[in-house]
Amino acid sequence: MRRKDTARDLADLARGRGEPVPALLASTVLVQTLAAVAARHRRGLVHRSLTADDVVLGADSLAALLADPGRDPKASLAAAAEPPPEEAAAAEAEDIGACAAVAVELLGTAGDRPPELAALLDRMLEPRPAARPSAVRAHAEARAVALELFAAWERRRRGPRLEERLRQALDGRREATAAELAAELEEVAPESLMLHAARTWLQSLERDRAAAATARRRLSAALYGRRRVQVERQAERLAVLLGVRAGDDPDLRLARDWLAERHAVARRHSAALVLTAAPLLLATLLTALLLAVMVGF
């Protein structure tokens, strides 16, 4: 026997919502109802008059059970009676159609009805009873549909959480974490704007790495050829591409050391040139002065 404080009719749930029941809930109820019907069929019993009023939901769970047949003397008689062999197949098919009708009632005419679930319900409501699946077969197919719907629901539920974690990874410029979360989010929500932002950022990093590799090769070639202008240009470009990592880059340190040495050599050459040219310049000035004095006299 059931108790009103611990269970409720499926029909009460449908009427209380005032709107179609989600496909995941309807498929879950269908799976459990078919399991109960299949158990009865294995014992040679049929229900014959199954409706939403005969399905009881747990108060704190989605556990669906067939109500105690004692609720209705007519239902009790039908459930307890073993049909004649010639009527058994038709009676079992009638139960299969009734299970499908309960699910259709829950989904409503405008409810969400995924193609897999709709196809199963159509087979269970086949006008020819002999063409309907057995309770065991219908239960297995309904379970597969429910699992797929649950997986889809779980993917939708994970989407917002993944987006928030991905946003934090982007803010912290954690490339490896962002790439991992983007891969997960692509499976869940491929149209996410956060995923698009992550892809754009990750692609820009890849482009920067490729450009840095090119600048590094050109810097090495310029250093090997001792071409100061090219060294300065490629070192500056590589520093811009590396950003905060530029200070720890060995190629940049080598280029800076080489440029500093070149500048020191240039300064020494300039000083030596000045010292060498100074006496000659002084002699030239004195000669010009003497010529000016002589012309004046």
C-alpha atoms as a PDB file:
ATOM      1  CA  MET A   1       0.000   0.000   0.000  1.00  0.00           C
ATOM      2  CA  ARG A   2       1.173   3.503  -0.644  1.00  0.00           C
ATOM      3  CA  ARG A   3       1.158   6.483   1.712  1.00  0.00           C
ATOM      4  CA  LYS A   4       0.209   9.969   0.622  1.00  0.00           C
ATOM      5  CA  ASP A   5       3.009  11.587   2.630  1.00  0.00           C
ATOM      6  CA  THR A   6       5.758   9.574   0.962  1.00  0.00           C
ATOM      7  CA  ALA A   7       4.571   9.190  -2.635  1.00  0.00           C
ATOM      8  CA  ARG A   8       2.522  10.950  -5.297  1.00  0.00           C
ATOM      9  CA  ASP A   9       0.733   9.948  -8.477  1.00  0.00           C
ATOM     10  CA  LEU A  10       2.422  10.636 -11.780  1.00  0.00           C
ATOM     11  CA  ALA A  11      -0.851  12.145 -12.953  1.00  0.00           C
ATOM     12  CA  ASP A  12      -0.723  14.589 -10.030  1.00  0.00           C
ATOM     13  CA  LEU A  13       2.746  15.664 -11.144  1.00  0.00           C
ATOM     14  CA  ALA A  14       1.623  16.236 -14.717  1.00  0.00           C
ATOM     15  CA  ARG A  15      -1.435  18.205 -13.654  1.00  0.00           C
ATOM     16  CA  GLY A  16       0.483  20.170 -11.024  1.00  0.00           C
ATOM     17  CA  ARG A  17       3.138  21.365 -13.466  1.00  0.00           C
ATOM     18  CA  GLY A  18       0.626  22.802 -15.895  1.00  0.00           C
ATOM     19  CA  GLU A  19       3.152  22.259 -18.682  1.00  0.00           C
ATOM     20  CA  PRO A  20       4.819  19.317 -20.462  1.00  0.00           C
ATOM     21  CA  VAL A  21       7.267  17.228 -18.455  1.00  0.00           C
ATOM     22  CA  PRO A  22      10.872  17.366 -19.740  1.00  0.00           C
ATOM     23  CA  ALA A  23      11.828  14.514 -22.036  1.00  0.00           C
ATOM     24  CA  LEU A  24      14.508  13.295 -19.615  1.00  0.00           C
ATOM     25  CA  LEU A  25      11.973  12.903 -16.793  1.00  0.00           C
ATOM     26  CA  ALA A  26       9.406  11.292 -19.080  1.00  0.00           C
ATOM     27  CA  SER A  27      11.958   8.811 -20.439  1.00  0.00           C
ATOM     28  CA  THR A  28      13.134   7.976 -16.902  1.00  0.00           C
ATOM     29  CA  VAL A  29       9.571   7.260 -15.799  1.00  0.00           C
ATOM     30  CA  LEU A  30       9.034   5.205 -18.962  1.00  0.00           C
ATOM     31  CA  VAL A  31      12.115   3.081 -18.216  1.00  0.00           C
ATOM     32  CA  GLN A  32      11.018   2.302 -14.672  1.00  0.00           C
ATOM     33  CA  THR A  33       7.403   1.674 -15.646  1.00  0.00           C
ATOM     34  CA  LEU A  34       8.478  -0.743 -18.381  1.00  0.00           C
ATOM     35  CA  ALA A  35      10.750  -2.509 -15.881  1.00  0.00           C
ATOM     36  CA  ALA A  36       7.760  -3.096 -13.591  1.00  0.00           C
ATOM     37  CA  VAL A  37       5.563  -4.213 -16.489  1.00  0.00           C
ATOM     38  CA  ALA A  38       8.287  -6.564 -17.764  1.00  0.00           C
ATOM     39  CA  ALA A  39       8.549  -8.130 -14.297  1.00  0.00           C
ATOM     40  CA  ARG A  40       4.811  -8.787 -14.299  1.00  0.00           C
ATOM     41  CA  HIS A  41       4.901 -10.213 -17.800  1.00  0.00           C
ATOM     42  CA  ARG A  42       7.645 -12.643 -16.778  1.00  0.00           C
ATOM     43  CA  ARG A  43       5.254 -13.949 -14.102  1.00  0.00           C
ATOM     44  CA  GLY A  44       2.508 -14.311 -16.689  1.00  0.00           C
ATOM     45  CA  LEU A  45       0.522 -11.325 -15.360  1.00  0.00           C
ATOM     46  CA  VAL A  46      -0.749  -8.261 -17.245  1.00  0.00           C
ATOM     47  CA  HIS A  47      -2.143  -4.927 -16.110  1.00  0.00           C
ATOM     48  CA  ARG A  48      -4.591  -4.183 -18.971  1.00  0.00           C
ATOM     49  CA  SER A  49      -5.697  -0.770 -17.633  1.00  0.00           C
ATOM     50  CA  LEU A  50      -2.437   1.055 -16.963  1.00  0.00           C
ATOM     51  CA  THR A  51      -2.706   4.873 -16.765  1.00  0.00           C
ATOM     52  CA  ALA A  52      -0.704   7.714 -15.225  1.00  0.00           C
ATOM     53  CA  ASP A  53      -2.797   7.292 -12.069  1.00  0.00           C
ATOM     54  CA  ASP A  54      -1.266   3.833 -11.605  1.00  0.00           C
ATOM     55  CA  VAL A  55       2.314   5.129 -11.535  1.00  0.00           C
ATOM     56  CA  VAL A  56       3.626   6.340  -8.190  1.00  0.00           C
ATOM     57  CA  LEU A  57       6.661   8.599  -7.782  1.00  0.00           C
ATOM     58  CA  GLY A  58       8.816   8.712  -4.674  1.00  0.00           C
ATOM     59  CA  ALA A  59       8.581  11.984  -2.769  1.00  0.00           C
ATOM     60  CA  ASP A  60      12.325  12.667  -2.847  1.00  0.00           C
ATOM     61  CA  SER A  61      13.428  10.790  -5.963  1.00  0.00           C
ATOM     62  CA  LEU A  62      12.502   9.863  -9.510  1.00  0.00           C
ATOM     63  CA  ALA A  63      11.747   6.254  -8.521  1.00  0.00           C
ATOM     64  CA  ALA A  64       8.573   5.266 -10.400  1.00  0.00           C
ATOM     65  CA  LEU A  65       6.584   2.240  -9.274  1.00  0.00           C
ATOM     66  CA  LEU A  66       3.307   0.707 -10.273  1.00  0.00           C
ATOM     67  CA  ALA A  67       0.793   1.349  -7.526  1.00  0.00           C
ATOM     68  CA  ASP A  68      -0.594  -1.436  -5.407  1.00  0.00           C
ATOM     69  CA  PRO A  69      -3.333  -3.115  -7.508  1.00  0.00           C
ATOM     70  CA  GLY A  70      -5.479  -3.103  -4.376  1.00  0.00           C
ATOM     71  CA  ARG A  71      -6.263   0.557  -4.978  1.00  0.00           C
ATOM     72  CA  ASP A  72      -8.862  -0.423  -7.568  1.00  0.00           C
ATOM     73  CA  PRO A  73     -10.746  -3.738  -7.413  1.00  0.00           C
ATOM     74  CA  LYS A  74     -11.037  -3.816 -11.210  1.00  0.00           C
ATOM     75  CA  ALA A  75      -7.309  -3.164 -11.622  1.00  0.00           C
ATOM     76  CA  SER A  76      -6.572  -5.715  -8.907  1.00  0.00           C
ATOM     77  CA  LEU A  77      -8.572  -8.374 -10.703  1.00  0.00           C
ATOM     78  CA  ALA A  78      -6.905  -7.578 -14.040  1.00  0.00           C
ATOM     79  CA  ALA A  79      -3.433  -7.515 -12.555  1.00  0.00           C
ATOM     80  CA  ALA A  80      -3.883 -10.723 -10.612  1.00  0.00           C
ATOM     81  CA  ALA A  81      -5.467 -12.688 -13.427  1.00  0.00           C
ATOM     82  CA  GLU A  82      -3.362 -14.694 -15.800  1.00  0.00           C
ATOM     83  CA  PRO A  83      -4.792 -14.260 -19.316  1.00  0.00           C
ATOM     84  CA  PRO A  84      -5.502 -17.277 -21.486  1.00  0.00           C
ATOM     85  CA  PRO A  85      -2.573 -18.220 -23.743  1.00  0.00           C
ATOM     86  CA  GLU A  86      -4.354 -17.021 -26.876  1.00  0.00           C
ATOM     87  CA  GLU A  87      -4.885 -13.589 -25.284  1.00  0.00           C
ATOM     88  CA  ALA A  88      -1.524 -13.230 -23.522  1.00  0.00           C
ATOM     89  CA  ALA A  89       0.356 -11.622 -26.420  1.00  0.00           C
ATOM     90  CA  ALA A  90      -2.409  -9.114 -27.111  1.00  0.00           C
ATOM     91  CA  ALA A  91      -2.745  -8.270 -23.417  1.00  0.00           C
ATOM     92  CA  GLU A  92       1.010  -7.700 -23.076  1.00  0.00           C
ATOM     93  CA  ALA A  93       0.973  -5.514 -26.188  1.00  0.00           C
ATOM     94  CA  GLU A  94      -1.871  -3.558 -24.599  1.00  0.00           C
ATOM     95  CA  ASP A  95       0.349  -2.879 -21.568  1.00  0.00           C
ATOM     96  CA  ILE A  96       3.177  -1.702 -23.863  1.00  0.00           C
ATOM     97  CA  GLY A  97       0.831   0.727 -25.599  1.00  0.00           C
ATOM     98  CA  ALA A  98      -0.423   1.955 -22.234  1.00  0.00           C
ATOM     99  CA  CYS A  99       3.137   2.678 -21.069  1.00  0.00           C
ATOM    100  CA  ALA A 100       3.739   4.699 -24.224  1.00  0.00           C
ATOM    101  CA  ALA A 101       0.452   6.561 -23.725  1.00  0.00           C
ATOM    102  CA  VAL A 102       1.552   7.553 -20.214  1.00  0.00           C
ATOM    103  CA  ALA A 103       4.799   8.942 -21.607  1.00  0.00           C
ATOM    104  CA  VAL A 104       2.924  10.826 -24.344  1.00  0.00           C
ATOM    105  CA  GLU A 105       0.601  12.283 -21.708  1.00  0.00           C
ATOM    106  CA  LEU A 106       3.604  13.511 -19.738  1.00  0.00           C
ATOM    107  CA  LEU A 107       5.305  15.025 -22.779  1.00  0.00           C
ATOM    108  CA  GLY A 108       2.152  16.783 -23.966  1.00  0.00           C
ATOM    109  CA  THR A 109       1.402  17.796 -27.537  1.00  0.00           C
ATOM    110  CA  ALA A 110       3.900  20.685 -27.509  1.00  0.00           C
ATOM    111  CA  GLY A 111       6.532  19.099 -25.301  1.00  0.00           C
ATOM    112  CA  ASP A 112      10.126  18.405 -26.151  1.00  0.00           C
ATOM    113  CA  ARG A 113      10.182  15.049 -27.911  1.00  0.00           C
ATOM    114  CA  PRO A 114      13.649  13.986 -29.093  1.00  0.00           C
ATOM    115  CA  PRO A 115      13.641  11.864 -32.296  1.00  0.00           C
ATOM    116  CA  GLU A 116      14.925   8.740 -30.543  1.00  0.00           C
ATOM    117  CA  LEU A 117      12.182   8.897 -27.908  1.00  0.00           C
ATOM    118  CA  ALA A 118       9.501   9.720 -30.488  1.00  0.00           C
ATOM    119  CA  ALA A 119      10.525   6.729 -32.629  1.00  0.00           C
ATOM    120  CA  LEU A 120      10.350   4.367 -29.648  1.00  0.00           C
ATOM    121  CA  LEU A 121       6.911   5.659 -28.619  1.00  0.00           C
ATOM    122  CA  ASP A 122       5.652   5.229 -32.187  1.00  0.00           C
ATOM    123  CA  ARG A 123       6.746   1.583 -32.164  1.00  0.00           C
ATOM    124  CA  MET A 124       5.118   1.024 -28.787  1.00  0.00           C
ATOM    125  CA  LEU A 125       1.871   2.555 -30.101  1.00  0.00           C
ATOM    126  CA  GLU A 126       1.916   0.594 -33.357  1.00  0.00           C
ATOM    127  CA  PRO A 127      -1.737  -0.072 -34.350  1.00  0.00           C
ATOM    128  CA  ARG A 128      -0.914  -3.753 -34.907  1.00  0.00           C
ATOM    129  CA  PRO A 129      -0.295  -5.178 -31.412  1.00  0.00           C
ATOM    130  CA  ALA A 130       1.896  -7.940 -32.790  1.00  0.00           C
ATOM    131  CA  ALA A 131       4.296  -5.304 -34.173  1.00  0.00           C
ATOM    132  CA  ARG A 132       4.897  -3.710 -30.779  1.00  0.00           C
ATOM    133  CA  PRO A 133       8.139  -4.587 -28.934  1.00  0.00           C
ATOM    134  CA  SER A 134       8.035  -6.797 -25.874  1.00  0.00           C
ATOM    135  CA  ALA A 135       8.330  -5.190 -22.452  1.00  0.00           C
ATOM    136  CA  VAL A 136      11.925  -6.403 -22.138  1.00  0.00           C
ATOM    137  CA  ARG A 137      12.874  -5.016 -25.555  1.00  0.00           C
ATOM    138  CA  ALA A 138      11.044  -1.742 -24.992  1.00  0.00           C
ATOM    139  CA  HIS A 139      12.700  -1.366 -21.582  1.00  0.00           C
ATOM    140  CA  ALA A 140      16.182  -1.842 -23.084  1.00  0.00           C
ATOM    141  CA  GLU A 141      15.515   0.707 -25.840  1.00  0.00           C
ATOM    142  CA  ALA A 142      13.958   3.208 -23.421  1.00  0.00           C
ATOM    143  CA  ARG A 143      16.947   2.857 -21.115  1.00  0.00           C
ATOM    144  CA  ALA A 144      19.334   3.629 -23.994  1.00  0.00           C
ATOM    145  CA  VAL A 145      17.282   6.710 -24.915  1.00  0.00           C
ATOM    146  CA  ALA A 146      17.184   7.902 -21.292  1.00  0.00           C
ATOM    147  CA  LEU A 147      20.941   7.504 -20.931  1.00  0.00           C
ATOM    148  CA  GLU A 148      21.531   9.550 -24.088  1.00  0.00           C
ATOM    149  CA  LEU A 149      19.161  12.278 -22.876  1.00  0.00           C
ATOM    150  CA  PHE A 150      20.904  12.302 -19.499  1.00  0.00           C
ATOM    151  CA  ALA A 151      24.299  12.655 -21.192  1.00  0.00           C
ATOM    152  CA  ALA A 152      22.978  15.601 -23.221  1.00  0.00           C
ATOM    153  CA  TRP A 153      21.529  17.207 -20.085  1.00  0.00           C
ATOM    154  CA  GLU A 154      24.812  16.717 -18.242  1.00  0.00           C
ATOM    155  CA  ARG A 155      26.684  18.388 -21.102  1.00  0.00           C
ATOM    156  CA  ARG A 156      24.344  21.387 -20.961  1.00  0.00           C
ATOM    157  CA  ARG A 157      24.703  21.580 -17.180  1.00  0.00           C
ATOM    158  CA  ARG A 158      28.508  21.537 -17.364  1.00  0.00           C
ATOM    159  CA  GLY A 159      28.628  24.331 -19.934  1.00  0.00           C
ATOM    160  CA  PRO A 160      28.287  27.390 -17.622  1.00  0.00           C
ATOM    161  CA  ARG A 161      30.777  25.975 -15.108  1.00  0.00           C
ATOM    162  CA  LEU A 162      33.331  25.287 -17.831  1.00  0.00           C
ATOM    163  CA  GLU A 163      32.834  28.777 -19.246  1.00  0.00           C
ATOM    164  CA  GLU A 164      33.540  30.364 -15.859  1.00  0.00           C
ATOM    165  CA  ARG A 165      36.691  28.289 -15.341  1.00  0.00           C
ATOM    166  CA  LEU A 166      37.815  29.098 -18.869  1.00  0.00           C
ATOM    167  CA  ARG A 167      37.274  32.820 -18.249  1.00  0.00           C
ATOM    168  CA  GLN A 168      39.483  32.627 -15.162  1.00  0.00           C
ATOM    169  CA  ALA A 169      42.180  30.795 -17.134  1.00  0.00           C
ATOM    170  CA  LEU A 170      42.095  33.462 -19.836  1.00  0.00           C
ATOM    171  CA  ASP A 171      42.304  36.247 -17.251  1.00  0.00           C
ATOM    172  CA  GLY A 172      45.327  34.554 -15.711  1.00  0.00           C
ATOM    173  CA  ARG A 173      46.843  33.821 -19.144  1.00  0.00           C
ATOM    174  CA  ARG A 174      47.197  30.134 -18.230  1.00  0.00           C
ATOM    175  CA  GLU A 175      47.595  28.701 -21.687  1.00  0.00           C
ATOM    176  CA  ALA A 176      47.709  24.993 -20.855  1.00  0.00           C
ATOM    177  CA  THR A 177      44.635  25.196 -18.598  1.00  0.00           C
ATOM    178  CA  ALA A 178      42.760  27.297 -21.155  1.00  0.00           C
ATOM    179  CA  ALA A 179      43.524  24.817 -23.938  1.00  0.00           C
ATOM    180  CA  GLU A 180      42.303  21.889 -21.817  1.00  0.00           C
ATOM    181  CA  LEU A 181      39.089  23.650 -20.771  1.00  0.00           C
ATOM    182  CA  ALA A 182      38.431  24.822 -24.332  1.00  0.00           C
ATOM    183  CA  ALA A 183      38.626  21.216 -25.537  1.00  0.00           C
ATOM    184  CA  GLU A 184      36.062  20.166 -22.891  1.00  0.00           C
ATOM    185  CA  LEU A 185      33.778  23.111 -23.643  1.00  0.00           C
ATOM    186  CA  GLU A 186      33.873  22.347 -27.363  1.00  0.00           C
ATOM    187  CA  GLU A 187      32.213  18.999 -26.657  1.00  0.00           C
ATOM    188  CA  VAL A 188      29.564  20.599 -24.447  1.00  0.00           C
ATOM    189  CA  ALA A 189      28.840  23.979 -26.070  1.00  0.00           C
ATOM    190  CA  PRO A 190      30.598  24.396 -29.429  1.00  0.00           C
ATOM    191  CA  GLU A 191      28.824  27.719 -30.065  1.00  0.00           C
ATOM    192  CA  SER A 192      29.947  29.329 -26.788  1.00  0.00           C
ATOM    193  CA  LEU A 193      31.259  32.893 -27.080  1.00  0.00           C
ATOM    194  CA  MET A 194      33.792  32.159 -24.329  1.00  0.00           C
ATOM    195  CA  LEU A 195      35.052  29.236 -26.389  1.00  0.00           C
ATOM    196  CA  HIS A 196      35.411  31.547 -29.398  1.00  0.00           C
ATOM    197  CA  ALA A 197      37.422  34.011 -27.287  1.00  0.00           C
ATOM    198  CA  ALA A 198      39.664  31.217 -26.036  1.00  0.00           C
ATOM    199  CA  ARG A 199      40.259  29.911 -29.544  1.00  0.00           C
ATOM    200  CA  THR A 200      41.163  33.413 -30.746  1.00  0.00           C
ATOM    201  CA  TRP A 201      43.624  33.897 -27.886  1.00  0.00           C
ATOM    202  CA  LEU A 202      45.217  30.475 -28.292  1.00  0.00           C
ATOM    203  CA  GLN A 203      45.559  30.995 -32.046  1.00  0.00           C
ATOM    204  CA  SER A 204      47.225  34.371 -31.458  1.00  0.00           C
ATOM    205  CA  LEU A 205      49.712  32.669 -29.147  1.00  0.00           C
ATOM    206  CA  GLU A 206      50.471  30.117 -31.857  1.00  0.00           C
ATOM    207  CA  ARG A 207      51.025  32.893 -34.390  1.00  0.00           C
ATOM    208  CA  ASP A 208      53.295  34.737 -31.956  1.00  0.00           C
ATOM    209  CA  ARG A 209      55.304  31.562 -31.392  1.00  0.00           C
ATOM    210  CA  ALA A 210      55.726  31.057 -35.134  1.00  0.00           C
ATOM    211  CA  ALA A 211      56.774  34.693 -35.609  1.00  0.00           C
ATOM    212  CA  ALA A 212      59.188  34.431 -32.660  1.00  0.00           C
ATOM    213  CA  ALA A 213      60.769  31.333 -34.189  1.00  0.00           C
ATOM    214  CA  THR A 214      61.294  33.220 -37.459  1.00  0.00           C
ATOM    215  CA  ALA A 215      62.762  36.231 -35.649  1.00  0.00           C
ATOM    216  CA  ARG A 216      65.034  33.919 -33.666  1.00  0.00           C
ATOM    217  CA  ARG A 217      66.392  32.304 -36.840  1.00  0.00           C
ATOM    218  CA  ARG A 218      66.996  35.693 -38.440  1.00  0.00           C
ATOM    219  CA  LEU A 219      68.706  36.961 -35.288  1.00  0.00           C
ATOM    220  CA  SER A 220      71.056  33.986 -35.280  1.00  0.00           C
ATOM    221  CA  ALA A 221      71.892  34.584 -38.939  1.00  0.00           C
ATOM    222  CA  ALA A 222      72.538  38.281 -38.300  1.00  0.00           C
ATOM    223  CA  LEU A 223      74.815  37.471 -35.364  1.00  0.00           C
ATOM    224  CA  TYR A 224      76.710  34.948 -37.454  1.00  0.00           C
ATOM    225  CA  GLY A 225      77.162  37.538 -40.223  1.00  0.00           C
ATOM    226  CA  ARG A 226      77.973  40.273 -37.708  1.00  0.00           C
ATOM    227  CA  ARG A 227      75.355  42.595 -39.217  1.00  0.00           C
ATOM    228  CA  ARG A 228      74.689  45.084 -36.456  1.00  0.00           C
ATOM    229  CA  VAL A 229      71.579  46.747 -37.918  1.00  0.00           C
ATOM    230  CA  GLN A 230      69.876  43.382 -38.545  1.00  0.00           C
ATOM    231  CA  VAL A 231      70.812  42.177 -35.063  1.00  0.00           C
ATOM    232  CA  GLU A 232      69.227  45.253 -33.501  1.00  0.00           C
ATOM    233  CA  ARG A 233      66.084  44.941 -35.621  1.00  0.00           C
ATOM    234  CA  GLN A 234      65.508  41.207 -35.018  1.00  0.00           C
ATOM    235  CA  ALA A 235      66.370  41.485 -31.317  1.00  0.00           C
ATOM    236  CA  GLU A 236      63.779  44.232 -30.898  1.00  0.00           C
ATOM    237  CA  ARG A 237      61.129  42.196 -32.750  1.00  0.00           C
ATOM    238  CA  LEU A 238      61.859  39.060 -30.727  1.00  0.00           C
ATOM    239  CA  ALA A 239      61.644  41.028 -27.466  1.00  0.00           C
ATOM    240  CA  VAL A 240      58.208  42.355 -28.442  1.00  0.00           C
ATOM    241  CA  LEU A 241      56.945  38.863 -29.312  1.00  0.00           C
ATOM    242  CA  LEU A 242      58.283  37.282 -26.125  1.00  0.00           C
ATOM    243  CA  GLY A 243      56.943  40.038 -23.874  1.00  0.00           C
ATOM    244  CA  VAL A 244      57.691  39.411 -20.200  1.00  0.00           C
ATOM    245  CA  ARG A 245      59.757  36.354 -21.091  1.00  0.00           C
ATOM    246  CA  ALA A 246      62.251  38.436 -23.067  1.00  0.00           C
ATOM    247  CA  GLY A 247      64.509  38.985 -20.052  1.00  0.00           C
ATOM    248  CA  ASP A 248      65.214  35.263 -19.676  1.00  0.00           C
ATOM    249  CA  ASP A 249      65.760  34.446 -23.337  1.00  0.00           C
ATOM    250  CA  PRO A 250      69.346  33.262 -24.044  1.00  0.00           C
ATOM    251  CA  ASP A 251      69.350  34.422 -27.678  1.00  0.00           C
ATOM    252  CA  LEU A 252      68.324  37.919 -26.652  1.00  0.00           C
ATOM    253  CA  ARG A 253      70.979  38.004 -23.945  1.00  0.00           C
ATOM    254  CA  LEU A 254      73.590  36.952 -26.487  1.00  0.00           C
ATOM    255  CA  ALA A 255      72.429  39.607 -28.937  1.00  0.00           C
ATOM    256  CA  ARG A 256      72.439  42.324 -26.264  1.00  0.00           C
ATOM    257  CA  ASP A 257      75.909  41.347 -25.086  1.00  0.00           C
ATOM    258  CA  TRP A 258      77.194  41.389 -28.675  1.00  0.00           C
ATOM    259  CA  LEU A 259      75.616  44.793 -29.359  1.00  0.00           C
ATOM    260  CA  ALA A 260      77.036  46.186 -26.114  1.00  0.00           C
ATOM    261  CA  GLU A 261      80.483  44.972 -27.124  1.00  0.00           C
ATOM    262  CA  ARG A 262      80.097  46.483 -30.587  1.00  0.00           C
ATOM    263  CA  HIS A 263      79.067  49.817 -29.082  1.00  0.00           C
ATOM    264  CA  ALA A 264      82.045  49.748 -26.707  1.00  0.00           C
ATOM    265  CA  VAL A 265      84.428  49.043 -29.601  1.00  0.00           C
ATOM    266  CA  ALA A 266      82.870  51.880 -31.577  1.00  0.00           C
ATOM    267  CA  ARG A 267      83.352  54.272 -28.666  1.00  0.00           C
ATOM    268  CA  ARG A 268      86.991  53.211 -28.304  1.00  0.00           C
ATOM    269  CA  HIS A 269      87.570  53.720 -32.015  1.00  0.00           C
ATOM    270  CA  SER A 270      85.992  57.151 -31.840  1.00  0.00           C
ATOM    271  CA  ALA A 271      88.212  58.133 -28.895  1.00  0.00           C
ATOM    272  CA  ALA A 272      91.339  56.871 -30.656  1.00  0.00           C
ATOM    273  CA  LEU A 273      90.392  58.767 -33.791  1.00  0.00           C
ATOM    274  CA  VAL A 274      89.986  61.967 -31.823  1.00  0.00           C
ATOM    275  CA  LEU A 275      93.342  61.520 -30.126  1.00  0.00           C
ATOM    276  CA  THR A 276      95.045  60.790 -33.449  1.00  0.00           C
ATOM    277  CA  ALA A 277      93.459  63.683 -35.279  1.00  0.00           C
ATOM    278  CA  ALA A 278      93.923  66.278 -32.538  1.00  0.00           C
ATOM    279  CA  PRO A 279      97.664  67.070 -33.207  1.00  0.00           C
ATOM    280  CA  LEU A 280      97.075  67.279 -36.945  1.00  0.00           C
ATOM    281  CA  LEU A 281      94.142  69.585 -36.409  1.00  0.00           C
ATOM    282  CA  LEU A 282      96.165  71.784 -34.080  1.00  0.00           C
ATOM    283  CA  ALA A 283      99.021  72.012 -36.611  1.00  0.00           C
ATOM    284  CA  THR A 284      96.579  72.937 -39.327  1.00  0.00           C
ATOM    285  CA  LEU A 285      95.102  75.712 -37.206  1.00  0.00           C
ATOM    286  CA  LEU A 286      98.532  77.118 -36.366  1.00  0.00           C
ATOM    287  CA  THR A 287      99.571  77.103 -40.025  1.00  0.00           C
ATOM    288  CA  ALA A 288      96.419  78.939 -40.988  1.00  0.00           C
ATOM    289  CA  LEU A 289      97.054  81.496 -38.270  1.00  0.00           C
ATOM    290  CA  LEU A 290     100.600  82.147 -39.410  1.00  0.00           C
ATOM    291  CA  LEU A 291      99.495  82.573 -42.999  1.00  0.00           C
ATOM    292  CA  ALA A 292      96.900  85.073 -41.883  1.00  0.00           C
ATOM    293  CA  VAL A 293      99.483  87.056 -39.942  1.00  0.00           C
ATOM    294  CA  MET A 294     101.925  87.066 -42.891  1.00  0.00           C
ATOM    295  CA  VAL A 295      99.273  88.225 -45.329  1.00  0.00           C
ATOM    296  CA  GLY A 296      98.382  91.005 -42.919  1.00  0.00           C
ATOM    297  CA  PHE A 297     101.908  92.386 -42.997  1.00  0.00           C
END
